[in-house]
C-alpha atoms as a PDB file:
ATOM      1  CA  MET A   1       0.000   0.000   0.000  1.00  0.00           C
ATOM      2  CA  GLN A   2       2.914   2.330   0.696  1.00  0.00           C
ATOM      3  CA  LYS A   3       4.114   1.791  -2.860  1.00  0.00           C
ATOM      4  CA  LEU A   4       0.771   2.952  -4.198  1.00  0.00           C
ATOM      5  CA  GLU A   5       0.647   5.973  -1.912  1.00  0.00           C
ATOM      6  CA  LYS A   6       4.099   6.989  -3.117  1.00  0.00           C
ATOM      7  CA  LYS A   7       3.063   6.409  -6.717  1.00  0.00           C
ATOM      8  CA  LYS A   8      -0.065   8.513  -6.142  1.00  0.00           C
ATOM      9  CA  LYS A   9       2.031  11.458  -4.955  1.00  0.00           C
ATOM     10  CA  ILE A  10       4.380  11.119  -7.931  1.00  0.00           C
ATOM     11  CA  TYR A  11       1.497  10.941 -10.415  1.00  0.00           C
ATOM     12  CA  LEU A  12      -0.132  14.008  -8.884  1.00  0.00           C
ATOM     13  CA  MET A  13       3.113  15.999  -8.974  1.00  0.00           C
ATOM     14  CA  LEU A  14       3.775  14.993 -12.584  1.00  0.00           C
ATOM     15  CA  SER A  15       0.200  15.801 -13.586  1.00  0.00           C
ATOM     16  CA  VAL A  16       0.394  19.281 -12.123  1.00  0.00           C
ATOM     17  CA  MET A  17       3.878  19.814 -13.547  1.00  0.00           C
ATOM     18  CA  PHE A  18       2.843  18.850 -17.087  1.00  0.00           C
ATOM     19  CA  SER A  19      -0.268  21.008 -16.747  1.00  0.00           C
ATOM     20  CA  ILE A  20       1.949  23.992 -15.961  1.00  0.00           C
ATOM     21  CA  PHE A  21       4.295  23.198 -18.877  1.00  0.00           C
ATOM     22  CA  LEU A  22       1.631  23.976 -21.486  1.00  0.00           C
ATOM     23  CA  PRO A  23       0.977  27.661 -20.713  1.00  0.00           C
ATOM     24  CA  ILE A  24       4.641  28.290 -19.941  1.00  0.00           C
ATOM     25  CA  GLY A  25       5.571  26.670 -23.255  1.00  0.00           C
ATOM     26  CA  VAL A  26       3.088  28.791 -25.195  1.00  0.00           C
ATOM     27  CA  VAL A  27       4.396  31.999 -23.625  1.00  0.00           C
ATOM     28  CA  ALA A  28       8.010  30.939 -24.208  1.00  0.00           C
ATOM     29  CA  THR A  29       7.204  30.121 -27.848  1.00  0.00           C
ATOM     30  CA  ILE A  30       5.651  33.556 -28.389  1.00  0.00           C
ATOM     31  CA  PHE A  31       8.612  35.376 -26.866  1.00  0.00           C
ATOM     32  CA  GLY A  32      11.028  33.058 -28.657  1.00  0.00           C
ATOM     33  CA  ALA A  33       9.425  33.870 -31.992  1.00  0.00           C
ATOM     34  CA  LEU A  34      10.437  37.481 -31.472  1.00  0.00           C
ATOM     35  CA  GLY A  35      14.080  36.580 -32.028  1.00  0.00           C
ATOM     36  CA  ASN A  36      15.412  34.200 -29.379  1.00  0.00           C
ATOM     37  CA  VAL A  37      15.754  30.789 -31.056  1.00  0.00           C
ATOM     38  CA  PHE A  38      16.743  29.005 -27.832  1.00  0.00           C
ATOM     39  CA  LEU A  39      13.598  30.256 -26.070  1.00  0.00           C
ATOM     40  CA  LEU A  40      11.540  29.241 -29.108  1.00  0.00           C
ATOM     41  CA  VAL A  41      12.850  25.662 -28.983  1.00  0.00           C
ATOM     42  CA  ILE A  42      12.346  25.416 -25.205  1.00  0.00           C
ATOM     43  CA  GLY A  43       8.818  26.804 -25.612  1.00  0.00           C
ATOM     44  CA  ILE A  44       7.913  24.262 -28.280  1.00  0.00           C
ATOM     45  CA  ILE A  45       9.282  21.404 -26.178  1.00  0.00           C
ATOM     46  CA  LEU A  46       7.424  22.566 -23.055  1.00  0.00           C
ATOM     47  CA  ALA A  47       4.160  23.154 -24.933  1.00  0.00           C
ATOM     48  CA  GLY A  48       4.296  19.747 -26.610  1.00  0.00           C
ATOM     49  CA  SER A  49       5.217  17.873 -23.465  1.00  0.00           C
ATOM     50  CA  GLY A  50       2.577  19.792 -21.511  1.00  0.00           C
ATOM     51  CA  PHE A  51      -0.127  19.086 -24.065  1.00  0.00           C
ATOM     52  CA  TYR A  52       0.507  15.338 -24.281  1.00  0.00           C
ATOM     53  CA  GLY A  53       1.964  14.732 -20.830  1.00  0.00           C
ATOM     54  CA  ALA A  54      -0.860  16.387 -18.914  1.00  0.00           C
ATOM     55  CA  THR A  55      -3.440  14.387 -20.838  1.00  0.00           C
ATOM     56  CA  LEU A  56      -1.698  11.106 -20.120  1.00  0.00           C
ATOM     57  CA  MET A  57      -0.916  11.794 -16.485  1.00  0.00           C
ATOM     58  CA  TRP A  58      -4.412  13.043 -15.657  1.00  0.00           C
ATOM     59  CA  SER A  59      -5.849   9.902 -17.267  1.00  0.00           C
ATOM     60  CA  PHE A  60      -3.587   7.569 -15.227  1.00  0.00           C
ATOM     61  CA  TYR A  61      -4.269   9.275 -11.914  1.00  0.00           C
ATOM     62  CA  PRO A  62      -7.970   8.312 -11.451  1.00  0.00           C
ATOM     63  CA  THR A  63      -7.326   4.631 -12.185  1.00  0.00           C
ATOM     64  CA  LEU A  64      -4.576   4.644  -9.575  1.00  0.00           C
ATOM     65  CA  LEU A  65      -6.988   6.196  -7.070  1.00  0.00           C
ATOM     66  CA  ASP A  66      -9.551   3.479  -7.860  1.00  0.00           C
ATOM     67  CA  LYS A  67      -6.923   0.799  -7.205  1.00  0.00           C
ATOM     68  CA  ILE A  68      -6.088   2.376  -3.858  1.00  0.00           C
ATOM     69  CA  LYS A  69      -9.799   2.470  -2.918  1.00  0.00           C
ATOM     70  CA  ILE A  70     -10.193  -1.202  -3.882  1.00  0.00           C
ATOM     71  CA  ILE A  71      -7.163  -2.239  -1.835  1.00  0.00           C
ATOM     72  CA  ARG A  72      -8.427  -0.329   1.207  1.00  0.00           C
ATOM     73  CA  GLN A  73     -11.774  -2.115   0.957  1.00  0.00           C
ATOM     74  CA  ILE A  74     -10.144  -5.533   0.601  1.00  0.00           C
ATOM     75  CA  GLU A  75      -7.854  -4.849   3.571  1.00  0.00           C
ATOM     76  CA  SER A  76     -10.839  -3.728   5.658  1.00  0.00           C
ATOM     77  CA  GLY A  77     -12.531  -7.076   5.015  1.00  0.00           C
ATOM     78  CA  ILE A  78     -15.000  -6.251   2.250  1.00  0.00           C
ATOM     79  CA  LEU A  79     -14.590  -9.208  -0.097  1.00  0.00           C
ATOM     80  CA  ASP A  80     -17.924  -9.201  -1.943  1.00  0.00           C
ATOM     81  CA  LEU A  81     -17.392  -7.777  -5.440  1.00  0.00           C
ATOM     82  CA  SER A  82     -20.893  -6.335  -5.700  1.00  0.00           C
ATOM     83  CA  VAL A  83     -20.351  -4.325  -2.492  1.00  0.00           C
ATOM     84  CA  ILE A  84     -16.952  -3.066  -3.695  1.00  0.00           C
ATOM     85  CA  ALA A  85     -18.446  -2.157  -7.078  1.00  0.00           C
ATOM     86  CA  SER A  86     -21.347  -0.295  -5.515  1.00  0.00           C
ATOM     87  CA  ASN A  87     -18.976   1.623  -3.227  1.00  0.00           C
ATOM     88  CA  LEU A  88     -16.965   2.725  -6.281  1.00  0.00           C
ATOM     89  CA  ASN A  89     -20.044   3.289  -8.497  1.00  0.00           C
ATOM     90  CA  ILE A  90     -18.765   0.963 -11.215  1.00  0.00           C
ATOM     91  CA  LYS A  91     -20.037  -2.293 -12.669  1.00  0.00           C
ATOM     92  CA  VAL A  92     -18.743  -5.651 -11.479  1.00  0.00           C
ATOM     93  CA  ARG A  93     -17.601  -6.496 -15.027  1.00  0.00           C
ATOM     94  CA  LYS A  94     -15.246  -3.515 -14.957  1.00  0.00           C
ATOM     95  CA  LEU A  95     -14.118  -4.315 -11.410  1.00  0.00           C
ATOM     96  CA  ILE A  96     -12.950  -7.893 -12.094  1.00  0.00           C
ATOM     97  CA  PRO A  97      -9.981  -6.943 -14.367  1.00  0.00           C
ATOM     98  CA  MET A  98      -8.958  -4.198 -11.931  1.00  0.00           C
ATOM     99  CA  ILE A  99      -8.965  -6.619  -9.005  1.00  0.00           C
ATOM    100  CA  THR A 100      -7.087  -9.198 -11.083  1.00  0.00           C
ATOM    101  CA  SER A 101      -4.294  -6.701 -11.718  1.00  0.00           C
ATOM    102  CA  ILE A 102      -4.270  -5.713  -8.037  1.00  0.00           C
ATOM    103  CA  LEU A 103      -4.122  -9.325  -6.841  1.00  0.00           C
ATOM    104  CA  ASN A 104      -1.117 -10.009  -9.038  1.00  0.00           C
ATOM    105  CA  VAL A 105       0.895  -7.024  -7.794  1.00  0.00           C
ATOM    106  CA  TYR A 106      -0.293  -5.295  -4.613  1.00  0.00           C
ATOM    107  CA  VAL A 107      -2.510  -7.634  -2.565  1.00  0.00           C
ATOM    108  CA  PHE A 108      -1.428 -11.203  -2.042  1.00  0.00           C
ATOM    109  CA  GLY A 109      -3.183 -14.266  -0.664  1.00  0.00           C
ATOM    110  CA  TYR A 110      -6.632 -13.698  -2.151  1.00  0.00           C
ATOM    111  CA  SER A 111      -8.295 -15.335  -5.117  1.00  0.00           C
ATOM    112  CA  PHE A 112     -11.735 -15.335  -6.724  1.00  0.00           C
ATOM    113  CA  ASN A 113     -14.349 -17.891  -5.736  1.00  0.00           C
ATOM    114  CA  LYS A 114     -15.841 -20.203  -8.395  1.00  0.00           C
ATOM    115  CA  ASP A 115     -18.553 -17.740  -9.458  1.00  0.00           C
ATOM    116  CA  ARG A 116     -16.183 -14.732  -9.430  1.00  0.00           C
ATOM    117  CA  THR A 117     -18.620 -12.957  -7.125  1.00  0.00           C
ATOM    118  CA  SER A 118     -16.313 -12.556  -4.123  1.00  0.00           C
ATOM    119  CA  LEU A 119     -12.732 -12.923  -2.973  1.00  0.00           C
ATOM    120  CA  ILE A 120     -11.536 -15.677  -0.674  1.00  0.00           C
ATOM    121  CA  LEU A 121      -8.392 -15.858   1.416  1.00  0.00           C
ATOM    122  CA  ASN A 122      -6.248 -18.604  -0.045  1.00  0.00           C
ATOM    123  CA  GLU A 123      -4.365 -20.145   2.891  1.00  0.00           C
ATOM    124  CA  LYS A 124      -2.234 -22.388   0.637  1.00  0.00           C
ATOM    125  CA  ILE A 125      -0.708 -19.386  -1.106  1.00  0.00           C
ATOM    126  CA  ILE A 126       0.137 -17.778   2.232  1.00  0.00           C
ATOM    127  CA  GLU A 127       1.794 -20.953   3.550  1.00  0.00           C
ATOM    128  CA  ASP A 128       3.854 -21.312   0.371  1.00  0.00           C
ATOM    129  CA  VAL A 129       5.069 -17.720   0.435  1.00  0.00           C
ATOM    130  CA  ASN A 130       6.151 -17.701   4.085  1.00  0.00           C
ATOM    131  CA  GLY A 131       8.784 -20.363   3.423  1.00  0.00           C
ATOM    132  CA  LEU A 132      10.374 -18.766   0.338  1.00  0.00           C
ATOM    133  CA  LYS A 133      13.940 -17.616   0.075  1.00  0.00           C
ATOM    134  CA  CYS A 134      15.220 -15.173  -2.493  1.00  0.00           C
ATOM    135  CA  LYS A 135      17.260 -16.993  -5.115  1.00  0.00           C
ATOM    136  CA  TYR A 136      19.484 -13.943  -5.632  1.00  0.00           C
ATOM    137  CA  CYS A 137      20.459 -12.904  -2.097  1.00  0.00           C
ATOM    138  CA  GLY A 138      19.148 -15.782   0.082  1.00  0.00           C
ATOM    139  CA  ALA A 139      16.993 -13.577   2.323  1.00  0.00           C
ATOM    140  CA  THR A 140      13.859 -15.151   3.748  1.00  0.00           C
ATOM    141  CA  ILE A 141      10.632 -13.591   2.581  1.00  0.00           C
ATOM    142  CA  SER A 142       8.200 -13.196   5.425  1.00  0.00           C
ATOM    143  CA  LYS A 143       5.949 -10.539   3.946  1.00  0.00           C
ATOM    144  CA  LEU A 144       3.204 -11.342   1.498  1.00  0.00           C
ATOM    145  CA  ASP A 145       4.964  -9.472  -1.247  1.00  0.00           C
ATOM    146  CA  HIS A 146       6.183 -10.077  -4.773  1.00  0.00           C
ATOM    147  CA  HIS A 147       9.520  -8.344  -4.169  1.00  0.00           C
ATOM    148  CA  CYS A 148      12.448  -9.302  -1.974  1.00  0.00           C
ATOM    149  CA  SER A 149      12.764  -6.701   0.785  1.00  0.00           C
ATOM    150  CA  ASN A 150      16.539  -7.122   0.796  1.00  0.00           C
ATOM    151  CA  CYS A 151      17.605  -6.881  -2.844  1.00  0.00           C
ATOM    152  CA  GLY A 152      14.346  -5.871  -4.590  1.00  0.00           C
ATOM    153  CA  ALA A 153      14.206  -8.911  -6.884  1.00  0.00           C
ATOM    154  CA  ILE A 154      10.789  -9.937  -8.203  1.00  0.00           C
ATOM    155  CA  ILE A 155       9.625 -13.200  -6.627  1.00  0.00           C
ATOM    156  CA  LYS A 156       7.449 -15.385  -8.819  1.00  0.00           C
ATOM    157  CA  ASN A 157       5.136 -18.043  -7.436  1.00  0.00           C
END
């Protein structure tokens, strides 16, 4: 969860930064067109990166916020997909791929039931993960995580 909170702050800073690049780039382009070629080039680069970068970053940010909301609900014990979907005002069909991506990266030990209507705690996965050792540095992995806390290597199941 800390990874996502850090990523949220970075996405917000980048979104605001790229949003500021566009007007600054336009002004720099106008003043650069009056005779300063260096300012003209900087203005074009800032305007272009602001135009495309702000659009991309502001489109990534809400999906990241939805993932954080889903993880908070799962960690608080809400495992019924219809309840999670109604809390987020989205349809269950849209929620299933989001939860699948979250389960593979951020939340570990849960899986879907047979009907894909709720999440269940999979005890076998938890038992298997607690006994793992990193094949790169030999550190024991006690957290339910996909990364080694010692060397940062990705641990596959």
